[in-house]
Protein backbone atom coordinates (compact mmCIF):
# COMPACT_ATOMS: atom_id res chain seq x y z
CA UNK A 1 -22.65 49.45 -32.93
CA UNK A 2 -19.49 51.08 -31.60
CA UNK A 3 -16.30 49.15 -30.97
CA UNK A 4 -15.11 48.74 -27.43
CA UNK A 5 -12.20 51.02 -26.60
CA UNK A 6 -8.75 49.47 -26.60
CA UNK A 7 -7.57 48.63 -23.12
CA UNK A 8 -4.15 49.59 -21.90
CA UNK A 9 -4.41 46.52 -19.66
CA UNK A 10 -4.81 44.06 -22.53
CA UNK A 11 -2.01 41.52 -22.76
CA UNK A 12 -1.78 37.80 -23.50
CA UNK A 13 -3.61 36.92 -20.26
CA UNK A 14 -6.37 39.54 -20.52
CA UNK A 15 -8.89 37.26 -22.25
CA UNK A 16 -8.08 34.42 -19.85
CA UNK A 17 -8.82 36.66 -16.87
CA UNK A 18 -12.03 37.92 -18.49
CA UNK A 19 -13.33 34.39 -19.18
CA UNK A 20 -12.27 33.24 -15.71
CA UNK A 21 -14.26 36.04 -14.12
CA UNK A 22 -17.23 35.36 -16.38
CA UNK A 23 -17.20 31.63 -15.61
CA UNK A 24 -17.12 32.15 -11.85
CA UNK A 25 -19.79 34.86 -12.00
CA UNK A 26 -21.97 32.53 -14.06
CA UNK A 27 -21.52 29.74 -11.51
CA UNK A 28 -22.70 32.08 -8.75
CA UNK A 29 -25.68 33.18 -10.86
CA UNK A 30 -26.66 29.57 -11.61
CA UNK A 31 -26.67 28.84 -7.86
CA UNK A 32 -29.17 31.64 -7.37
CA UNK A 33 -31.33 30.43 -10.27
CA UNK A 34 -31.25 26.83 -9.00
CA UNK A 35 -32.37 27.97 -5.56
CA UNK A 36 -35.18 29.99 -7.15
CA UNK A 37 -36.29 26.94 -9.14
CA UNK A 38 -36.15 24.79 -5.99
CA UNK A 39 -38.38 27.27 -4.16
CA UNK A 40 -40.82 27.14 -7.07
CA UNK A 41 -40.83 23.34 -6.92
CA UNK A 42 -39.26 22.92 -10.38
CA UNK A 43 -36.62 20.26 -9.74
CA UNK A 44 -35.98 19.69 -13.45
CA UNK A 45 -35.04 23.33 -13.99
CA UNK A 46 -33.02 23.45 -10.77
CA UNK A 47 -31.02 20.41 -11.87
CA UNK A 48 -30.39 21.97 -15.29
CA UNK A 49 -29.08 25.15 -13.65
CA UNK A 50 -26.82 23.03 -11.42
CA UNK A 51 -25.38 21.24 -14.46
CA UNK A 52 -24.56 24.61 -16.01
CA UNK A 53 -23.09 25.71 -12.68
CA UNK A 54 -20.89 22.60 -12.57
CA UNK A 55 -19.55 23.33 -16.07
CA UNK A 56 -18.87 26.96 -15.16
CA UNK A 57 -17.05 25.94 -11.97
CA UNK A 58 -14.98 23.42 -13.92
CA UNK A 59 -14.05 26.09 -16.47
CA UNK A 60 -13.24 28.49 -13.64
CA UNK A 61 -10.95 26.00 -11.93
CA UNK A 62 -9.17 25.24 -15.20
CA UNK A 63 -8.79 28.96 -15.86
CA UNK A 64 -7.34 29.58 -12.39
CA UNK A 65 -4.75 26.84 -12.91
CA UNK A 66 -3.83 28.21 -16.34
CA UNK A 67 -3.51 31.74 -15.03
CA UNK A 68 -1.38 30.66 -12.08
CA UNK A 69 0.96 28.70 -14.36
CA UNK A 70 1.30 31.64 -16.74
CA UNK A 71 1.98 34.14 -13.95
CA UNK A 72 4.56 31.84 -12.39
CA UNK A 73 6.21 31.46 -15.81
CA UNK A 74 6.36 35.23 -16.23
CA UNK A 75 7.75 35.62 -12.72
CA UNK A 76 10.48 33.08 -13.41
CA UNK A 77 11.33 34.74 -16.72
CA UNK A 78 11.53 38.14 -15.02
CA UNK A 79 13.79 36.94 -12.22
């Protein structure tokens, strides 16, 4: 297994942005999976996917607020 190359973009917010993107992508994916389960008539599975989607959206919203606060802080410090 090879290590991922170091990123010139990596800073204190890099991981936050990566998890934010992952959370929102996962929420979108869970919507697709829930719709597939609905079409197949599997309401139990569809509901489970929607619960996961809800958690991912919640994490995404929290991440967006955190990122905004951090960027505003940096902007104020740089002014």
